[in-house]
Amino acid sequence: MPRRRAVTRLPVHRVPSGRIRLGSAPAPGRTGRDLEKGPIISNSTPPRTVGELGEFALIERINAGRTQAPAVLLGPGDDAAVLTAARGRFVVTTDMLVQDRHFRLDWSSPYDIGRKAIAQNAADVVAMGAVPTAFVVALGCPADTPVSVIDGLADGLWDEAAISGGSIAGGDLVRDAHLVVSVTAFGDPIGSEPVLRSGARPGDTIAVAGRLGWSAAGLTALSAGAGRQGQFAEAVAAHRVPKPPYRRVLDAVTAGVVPNALTDVSDGLLADLGHLATASQVAIDLDSAALADADLADLAAALDADAAQWVLTGGEDHAFAAAWPAATELPSGWIRIGVVSAGQGVTVDGVRPAGRGGWESFAGADSAQRPGSR
């Protein structure tokens, strides 16, 4: 009776049932390992697409030479990852990017997309007053996707994970008609309790850390075909790769300067503060003068757009907005933009804005009609 070939546990992905039938023999001239790694082009020609490289070789390639964060006790290579829970509990969030809905490959590089996918999840973790520790990434792509695209995407994922304080602990890889990146993020709360949206109180100061409206400005420039013009370079870069000011939150909370309520600005300032106001059962009034940005206004004038709308409803900057106790001296990098009072809803200079306050996934035109939509 022939001996069974030893099977190596493969990173973060279980072999789908039926891929290689039990008892079937490899084709002449090929080994079982060749079946796992995909077709060989030649000894001198490297695989050009993920279909040519093969699923498991691609997974190995993505994970090769990477260094795990301290919270990841066991990363890719077994049926599941093992993470620490230093405080006996952790926060978890998930978010997804879909090609031509949330990004365009003619507008953003694979590296940019990878960083953006991690940043939007890490920002959610930090918005709970927690330190990002690990990320699990599920990736779908067509078989003819160039290997170089996945290389760039993986580098972006890993680099932003390291910037936020974590690493990629595992994931999944599937064939799909479009490029899809789904990230689940984990984090350790710094304090005894996470910082929620529901803690704002009348009299609190509303403040932000990070820039507002710049991602929306970049999207507008790209949509207008002006993305290559130098004057819009900074805004386009902000749209391609958001840079959440993680340390502005983490340093404050670590020092014991904790806001009553906290959120990241992903869907738009009005929308996200609206969620905070609803959860806290309070009203928030914003000061338009405190939100004004002269540089952004110059870009808006050049694009015949409204800078105030970018700031209030743009989203995707992943700045942080918080309600701080009135007696608290704002930590470094935080700017006062409003106040909390009794009541409900969000107003600007005492006036309730008309229309939606930001992004909603199932509102507005479909991406097939608006290729630049998020």
Protein backbone atom coordinates (compact mmCIF):
# COMPACT_ATOMS: atom_id res chain seq x y z
CA MET A 1 0.00 0.00 0.00
CA PRO A 2 1.57 3.35 -1.02
CA ARG A 3 2.53 5.75 1.71
CA ARG A 4 0.51 8.94 2.03
CA ARG A 5 2.33 12.11 1.05
CA ALA A 6 2.86 14.48 3.96
CA VAL A 7 0.60 17.52 3.65
CA THR A 8 1.88 20.86 4.88
CA ARG A 9 -0.67 23.11 6.53
CA LEU A 10 -1.11 26.07 4.23
CA PRO A 11 -1.50 29.68 5.30
CA VAL A 12 -4.96 30.79 6.43
CA HIS A 13 -6.94 28.87 3.78
CA ARG A 14 -8.47 25.40 3.92
CA VAL A 15 -8.33 23.42 0.66
CA PRO A 16 -11.85 23.42 -0.88
CA SER A 17 -13.56 20.05 -0.99
CA GLY A 18 -13.20 18.27 -4.33
CA ARG A 19 -10.22 20.21 -5.66
CA ILE A 20 -8.05 17.04 -5.77
CA ARG A 21 -10.01 13.83 -5.42
CA LEU A 22 -8.78 11.22 -2.97
CA GLY A 23 -6.82 8.54 -4.73
CA SER A 24 -6.25 10.51 -7.93
CA ALA A 25 -2.72 10.53 -9.26
CA PRO A 26 -0.86 13.55 -10.65
CA ALA A 27 -0.56 13.77 -14.41
CA PRO A 28 2.64 12.31 -15.89
CA GLY A 29 5.58 14.58 -15.30
CA ARG A 30 3.82 16.59 -12.57
CA THR A 31 3.78 16.17 -8.79
CA GLY A 32 1.01 16.78 -6.31
CA ARG A 33 2.84 19.91 -5.24
CA ASP A 34 2.64 21.21 -8.81
CA LEU A 35 -1.13 20.85 -8.64
CA GLU A 36 -1.20 22.94 -5.50
CA LYS A 37 1.03 25.64 -6.94
CA GLY A 38 -0.57 25.87 -10.38
CA PRO A 39 0.78 25.33 -13.88
CA ILE A 40 4.44 25.79 -14.62
CA ILE A 41 5.13 28.10 -17.57
CA SER A 42 8.80 27.21 -17.85
CA ASN A 43 11.83 27.05 -15.64
CA SER A 44 12.87 30.52 -16.78
CA THR A 45 9.55 32.36 -17.11
CA PRO A 46 8.01 33.52 -13.82
CA PRO A 47 4.22 33.31 -13.49
CA ARG A 48 2.55 36.50 -14.70
CA THR A 49 -0.94 36.09 -13.27
CA VAL A 50 -2.43 34.65 -10.11
CA GLY A 51 -3.94 31.86 -12.22
CA GLU A 52 -0.53 30.86 -13.48
CA LEU A 53 1.03 31.10 -10.02
CA GLY A 54 -1.71 29.20 -8.20
CA GLU A 55 -3.60 29.83 -4.99
CA PHE A 56 -1.27 28.38 -2.40
CA ALA A 57 1.91 29.71 -3.94
CA LEU A 58 0.26 33.12 -3.99
CA ILE A 59 -0.61 32.85 -0.30
CA GLU A 60 2.96 31.87 0.49
CA ARG A 61 4.22 34.77 -1.59
CA ILE A 62 1.97 37.26 0.24
CA ASN A 63 3.21 36.10 3.64
CA ALA A 64 6.89 35.50 2.90
CA GLY A 65 9.33 37.50 4.99
CA ARG A 66 6.66 39.31 7.02
CA THR A 67 7.03 40.12 10.72
CA GLN A 68 4.05 39.70 13.03
CA ALA A 69 3.06 42.19 15.71
CA PRO A 70 3.51 41.09 19.35
CA ALA A 71 -0.21 40.43 19.78
CA VAL A 72 -0.17 37.73 17.07
CA LEU A 73 0.95 34.53 18.77
CA LEU A 74 0.31 32.41 15.69
CA GLY A 75 -0.11 33.86 12.23
CA PRO A 76 -0.66 32.26 8.80
CA GLY A 77 0.10 28.55 8.60
CA ASP A 78 -2.62 26.82 10.61
CA ASP A 79 -6.41 26.56 10.53
CA ALA A 80 -6.74 29.84 12.42
CA ALA A 81 -4.61 32.56 13.94
CA VAL A 82 -4.05 32.95 17.68
CA LEU A 83 -4.11 36.44 19.19
CA THR A 84 -3.57 37.74 22.68
CA ALA A 85 -6.35 39.45 24.60
CA ALA A 86 -4.20 41.39 27.03
CA ARG A 87 -7.16 42.90 28.88
CA GLY A 88 -9.46 39.92 28.67
CA ARG A 89 -11.47 41.35 25.79
CA PHE A 90 -10.91 43.00 22.42
CA VAL A 91 -12.68 45.16 19.88
CA VAL A 92 -13.39 43.89 16.37
CA THR A 93 -14.63 45.56 13.18
CA THR A 94 -14.85 44.72 9.49
CA ASP A 95 -15.05 46.69 6.26
CA MET A 96 -14.91 45.90 2.56
CA LEU A 97 -13.57 47.55 -0.59
CA VAL A 98 -15.04 46.56 -3.96
CA GLN A 99 -13.49 47.46 -7.29
CA ASP A 100 -15.34 50.24 -9.17
CA ARG A 101 -17.47 50.92 -6.11
CA HIS A 102 -14.88 51.99 -3.57
CA PHE A 103 -11.80 52.32 -5.76
CA ARG A 104 -10.72 52.38 -9.38
CA LEU A 105 -7.54 50.74 -10.61
CA ASP A 106 -6.97 53.58 -13.07
CA TRP A 107 -7.06 56.05 -10.17
CA SER A 108 -5.26 54.18 -7.39
CA SER A 109 -2.28 51.85 -7.33
CA PRO A 110 -2.62 48.39 -5.72
CA TYR A 111 -0.33 49.63 -2.94
CA ASP A 112 -2.66 52.59 -2.27
CA ILE A 113 -5.69 50.29 -2.18
CA GLY A 114 -3.99 48.01 0.34
CA ARG A 115 -3.15 50.88 2.64
CA LYS A 116 -6.66 52.32 2.36
CA ALA A 117 -8.25 48.96 3.19
CA ILE A 118 -6.30 48.71 6.44
CA ALA A 119 -6.55 52.40 7.36
CA GLN A 120 -10.34 52.50 7.31
CA ASN A 121 -10.48 49.49 9.64
CA ALA A 122 -7.67 50.60 11.93
CA ALA A 123 -9.40 53.97 12.32
CA ASP A 124 -12.54 52.20 13.56
CA VAL A 125 -10.51 50.32 16.15
CA VAL A 126 -8.74 53.48 17.34
CA ALA A 127 -12.11 55.27 17.51
CA MET A 128 -12.99 52.81 20.29
CA GLY A 129 -9.94 53.91 22.28
CA ALA A 130 -8.13 50.70 21.34
CA VAL A 131 -4.75 49.84 19.84
CA PRO A 132 -4.91 47.87 16.57
CA THR A 133 -3.28 44.48 17.05
CA ALA A 134 -4.13 42.28 14.07
CA PHE A 135 -5.98 42.16 10.77
CA VAL A 136 -7.51 39.29 8.80
CA VAL A 137 -7.82 39.93 5.06
CA ALA A 138 -10.11 38.15 2.59
CA LEU A 139 -9.18 38.79 -1.03
CA GLY A 140 -11.15 38.01 -4.18
CA CYS A 141 -9.70 38.56 -7.67
CA PRO A 142 -9.94 37.25 -11.25
CA ALA A 143 -7.52 34.52 -12.32
CA ASP A 144 -5.93 36.85 -14.86
CA THR A 145 -4.97 39.42 -12.21
CA PRO A 146 -1.25 40.19 -12.61
CA VAL A 147 0.87 38.89 -9.76
CA SER A 148 2.37 42.37 -9.52
CA VAL A 149 -1.07 43.74 -8.54
CA ILE A 150 -1.28 41.36 -5.58
CA ASP A 151 2.32 42.09 -4.63
CA GLY A 152 1.55 45.81 -4.45
CA LEU A 153 -1.72 45.24 -2.61
CA ALA A 154 -0.03 42.99 -0.04
CA ASP A 155 2.76 45.52 0.55
CA GLY A 156 0.18 48.25 1.15
CA LEU A 157 -1.78 46.06 3.55
CA TRP A 158 1.28 45.14 5.56
CA ASP A 159 2.75 48.65 5.62
CA GLU A 160 -0.42 50.32 6.91
CA ALA A 161 -0.94 47.51 9.42
CA ALA A 162 2.53 48.22 10.82
CA ILE A 163 1.87 51.98 10.90
CA SER A 164 -1.27 51.40 12.97
CA GLY A 165 0.50 48.99 15.33
CA GLY A 166 -0.69 45.59 14.08
CA SER A 167 0.03 42.99 11.43
CA ILE A 168 -1.80 40.63 9.05
CA ALA A 169 -2.61 37.51 11.04
CA GLY A 170 -4.38 35.56 8.31
CA GLY A 171 -7.11 35.65 5.72
CA ASP A 172 -8.62 33.96 2.69
CA LEU A 173 -8.19 34.00 -1.07
CA VAL A 174 -10.89 33.27 -3.65
CA ARG A 175 -11.50 33.71 -7.37
CA ASP A 176 -13.96 36.47 -8.22
CA ALA A 177 -14.98 38.60 -11.20
CA HIS A 178 -13.66 41.78 -9.53
CA LEU A 179 -10.98 42.75 -7.05
CA VAL A 180 -12.53 42.69 -3.58
CA VAL A 181 -10.69 43.32 -0.32
CA SER A 182 -12.44 42.59 2.97
CA VAL A 183 -10.62 43.32 6.22
CA THR A 184 -11.45 42.37 9.78
CA ALA A 185 -9.51 44.28 12.43
CA PHE A 186 -8.86 43.52 16.09
CA GLY A 187 -7.66 45.80 18.88
CA ASP A 188 -6.98 46.00 22.60
CA PRO A 189 -8.80 48.72 24.57
CA ILE A 190 -6.33 50.98 26.35
CA GLY A 191 -8.50 51.81 29.34
CA SER A 192 -10.82 49.77 31.49
CA GLU A 193 -13.69 50.57 29.13
CA PRO A 194 -13.81 51.28 25.38
CA VAL A 195 -14.70 54.82 24.30
CA LEU A 196 -18.19 54.74 22.79
CA ARG A 197 -20.30 57.13 20.72
CA SER A 198 -22.91 57.25 23.46
CA GLY A 199 -21.08 59.22 26.16
CA ALA A 200 -21.45 62.86 25.00
CA ARG A 201 -23.05 65.22 27.52
CA PRO A 202 -24.49 68.74 27.24
CA GLY A 203 -21.69 71.27 27.64
CA ASP A 204 -19.05 69.04 26.04
CA THR A 205 -16.70 70.45 23.42
CA ILE A 206 -16.71 68.88 19.97
CA ALA A 207 -13.20 68.72 18.50
CA VAL A 208 -11.51 66.99 15.58
CA ALA A 209 -8.04 65.59 14.94
CA GLY A 210 -7.03 65.27 11.32
CA ARG A 211 -8.09 66.98 8.10
CA LEU A 212 -11.61 67.11 6.74
CA GLY A 213 -12.74 67.39 3.12
CA TRP A 214 -9.46 66.52 1.43
CA SER A 215 -10.45 63.05 0.28
CA ALA A 216 -13.65 64.49 -1.22
CA ALA A 217 -11.59 67.16 -2.98
CA GLY A 218 -9.36 64.47 -4.45
CA LEU A 219 -12.35 62.46 -5.62
CA THR A 220 -13.80 65.56 -7.27
CA ALA A 221 -10.51 66.27 -9.05
CA LEU A 222 -10.24 62.69 -10.30
CA SER A 223 -13.87 62.68 -11.44
CA ALA A 224 -13.24 65.92 -13.36
CA GLY A 225 -10.19 64.48 -15.10
CA ALA A 226 -7.91 66.87 -13.21
CA GLY A 227 -6.16 64.27 -11.07
CA ARG A 228 -2.81 64.75 -12.83
CA GLN A 229 -2.74 68.50 -12.34
CA GLY A 230 -0.16 69.51 -9.75
CA GLN A 231 -2.41 71.80 -7.75
CA PHE A 232 -4.64 68.85 -6.85
CA ALA A 233 -1.83 66.39 -6.03
CA GLU A 234 -2.22 66.69 -2.26
CA ALA A 235 -5.98 66.18 -2.40
CA VAL A 236 -5.71 63.22 -4.79
CA ALA A 237 -3.13 61.64 -2.49
CA ALA A 238 -5.52 62.11 0.45
CA HIS A 239 -8.25 60.30 -1.46
CA ARG A 240 -6.01 57.43 -2.50
CA VAL A 241 -4.44 56.85 0.92
CA PRO A 242 -6.15 58.29 4.00
CA LYS A 243 -3.84 58.98 6.91
CA PRO A 244 -5.79 58.67 10.14
CA PRO A 245 -4.00 60.47 13.01
CA TYR A 246 -3.94 57.34 15.16
CA ARG A 247 -1.52 58.75 17.73
CA ARG A 248 -3.69 61.81 18.45
CA VAL A 249 -6.22 59.44 20.00
CA LEU A 250 -3.95 56.74 21.38
CA ASP A 251 -1.51 59.12 23.07
CA ALA A 252 -4.33 61.06 24.73
CA VAL A 253 -6.14 57.98 26.01
CA THR A 254 -2.88 56.40 27.19
CA ALA A 255 -2.17 59.59 29.16
CA GLY A 256 -5.60 59.33 30.80
CA VAL A 257 -7.11 62.21 28.83
CA VAL A 258 -10.21 60.42 27.58
CA PRO A 259 -13.11 61.96 25.63
CA ASN A 260 -16.68 61.24 26.65
CA ALA A 261 -17.51 60.05 23.12
CA LEU A 262 -15.47 59.34 20.02
CA THR A 263 -15.91 58.39 16.36
CA ASP A 264 -13.90 58.37 13.17
CA VAL A 265 -15.08 60.43 10.20
CA SER A 266 -15.58 57.89 7.44
CA ASP A 267 -19.02 58.70 6.02
CA GLY A 268 -18.95 62.48 6.48
CA LEU A 269 -18.71 64.80 9.48
CA LEU A 270 -22.45 65.48 9.63
CA ALA A 271 -23.31 61.80 9.25
CA ASP A 272 -20.82 60.52 11.81
CA LEU A 273 -21.54 63.23 14.37
CA GLY A 274 -25.21 62.52 13.72
CA HIS A 275 -24.62 58.92 14.81
CA LEU A 276 -22.80 60.18 17.91
CA ALA A 277 -25.58 62.63 18.74
CA THR A 278 -28.24 59.95 18.35
CA ALA A 279 -26.33 57.44 20.48
CA SER A 280 -25.75 60.07 23.19
CA GLN A 281 -29.26 61.56 22.91
CA VAL A 282 -27.87 65.09 22.57
CA ALA A 283 -27.67 67.91 20.04
CA ILE A 284 -24.46 69.14 18.41
CA ASP A 285 -23.91 72.58 16.87
CA LEU A 286 -20.88 73.12 14.64
CA ASP A 287 -19.03 76.39 14.05
CA SER A 288 -18.54 76.89 10.32
CA ALA A 289 -15.69 79.36 10.89
CA ALA A 290 -13.75 76.73 12.83
CA LEU A 291 -14.18 74.29 9.92
CA ALA A 292 -13.02 76.70 7.20
CA ASP A 293 -9.89 75.65 5.27
CA ALA A 294 -8.41 78.32 2.98
CA ASP A 295 -6.34 75.82 0.97
CA LEU A 296 -9.38 73.64 0.41
CA ALA A 297 -11.40 76.69 -0.64
CA ASP A 298 -8.82 77.45 -3.35
CA LEU A 299 -9.17 73.93 -4.75
CA ALA A 300 -12.95 74.18 -4.65
CA ALA A 301 -12.88 77.44 -6.60
CA ALA A 302 -10.71 75.82 -9.28
CA LEU A 303 -13.16 72.91 -9.57
CA ASP A 304 -16.35 75.00 -9.24
CA ALA A 305 -17.19 73.07 -6.08
CA ASP A 306 -18.20 73.86 -2.50
CA ALA A 307 -15.42 73.38 0.06
CA ALA A 308 -17.90 73.50 2.95
CA GLN A 309 -19.77 70.53 1.48
CA TRP A 310 -16.51 68.60 1.18
CA VAL A 311 -15.78 69.25 4.84
CA LEU A 312 -19.28 68.49 6.13
CA THR A 313 -20.26 65.52 3.97
CA GLY A 314 -17.17 64.28 2.14
CA GLY A 315 -16.03 61.44 4.36
CA GLU A 316 -13.14 59.01 3.85
CA ASP A 317 -10.61 61.30 5.54
CA HIS A 318 -10.75 59.09 8.64
CA ALA A 319 -10.11 62.00 10.95
CA PHE A 320 -11.40 61.61 14.51
CA ALA A 321 -14.21 63.59 16.13
CA ALA A 322 -14.78 63.57 19.87
CA ALA A 323 -16.89 65.09 22.62
CA TRP A 324 -14.54 66.31 25.37
CA PRO A 325 -15.59 67.43 28.85
CA ALA A 326 -15.81 71.22 28.88
CA ALA A 327 -13.12 71.53 31.56
CA THR A 328 -10.62 69.39 29.64
CA GLU A 329 -7.71 71.07 27.90
CA LEU A 330 -7.74 69.66 24.40
CA PRO A 331 -4.77 67.38 23.69
CA SER A 332 -2.22 68.29 21.04
CA GLY A 333 -3.58 68.15 17.50
CA TRP A 334 -7.25 68.58 18.43
CA ILE A 335 -9.25 71.59 17.19
CA ARG A 336 -12.52 72.81 18.69
CA ILE A 337 -15.33 72.88 16.11
CA GLY A 338 -18.55 72.83 18.10
CA VAL A 339 -20.49 72.23 21.29
CA VAL A 340 -22.93 69.69 22.72
CA SER A 341 -26.29 70.74 24.12
CA ALA A 342 -29.59 69.20 25.13
CA GLY A 343 -31.76 68.20 22.18
CA GLN A 344 -31.16 66.13 19.10
CA GLY A 345 -29.49 66.25 15.71
CA VAL A 346 -26.60 68.24 14.24
CA THR A 347 -26.73 71.88 13.19
CA VAL A 348 -24.20 74.27 11.65
CA ASP A 349 -24.30 77.79 13.07
CA GLY A 350 -27.68 76.88 14.51
CA VAL A 351 -29.15 75.77 11.18
CA ARG A 352 -29.97 72.16 10.34
CA PRO A 353 -28.40 71.29 6.94
CA ALA A 354 -30.66 69.93 4.21
CA GLY A 355 -30.06 66.57 2.54
CA ARG A 356 -27.98 63.59 3.62
CA GLY A 357 -25.03 64.26 5.86
CA GLY A 358 -22.68 61.90 4.08
CA TRP A 359 -22.18 58.56 2.43
CA GLU A 360 -24.83 55.81 2.53
CA SER A 361 -24.09 52.53 0.74
CA PHE A 362 -27.57 52.04 -0.72
CA ALA A 363 -28.48 55.65 -1.43
CA GLY A 364 -27.91 57.62 -4.62
CA ALA A 365 -26.81 56.42 -8.03
CA ASP A 366 -25.46 52.93 -8.58
CA SER A 367 -21.75 52.61 -9.27
CA ALA A 368 -22.50 51.51 -12.82
CA GLN A 369 -23.99 54.97 -13.38
CA ARG A 370 -21.42 56.81 -11.28
CA PRO A 371 -18.00 55.13 -11.74
CA GLY A 372 -16.43 57.51 -9.28
CA SER A 373 -18.86 56.78 -6.44
CA ARG A 374 -17.60 55.21 -3.26
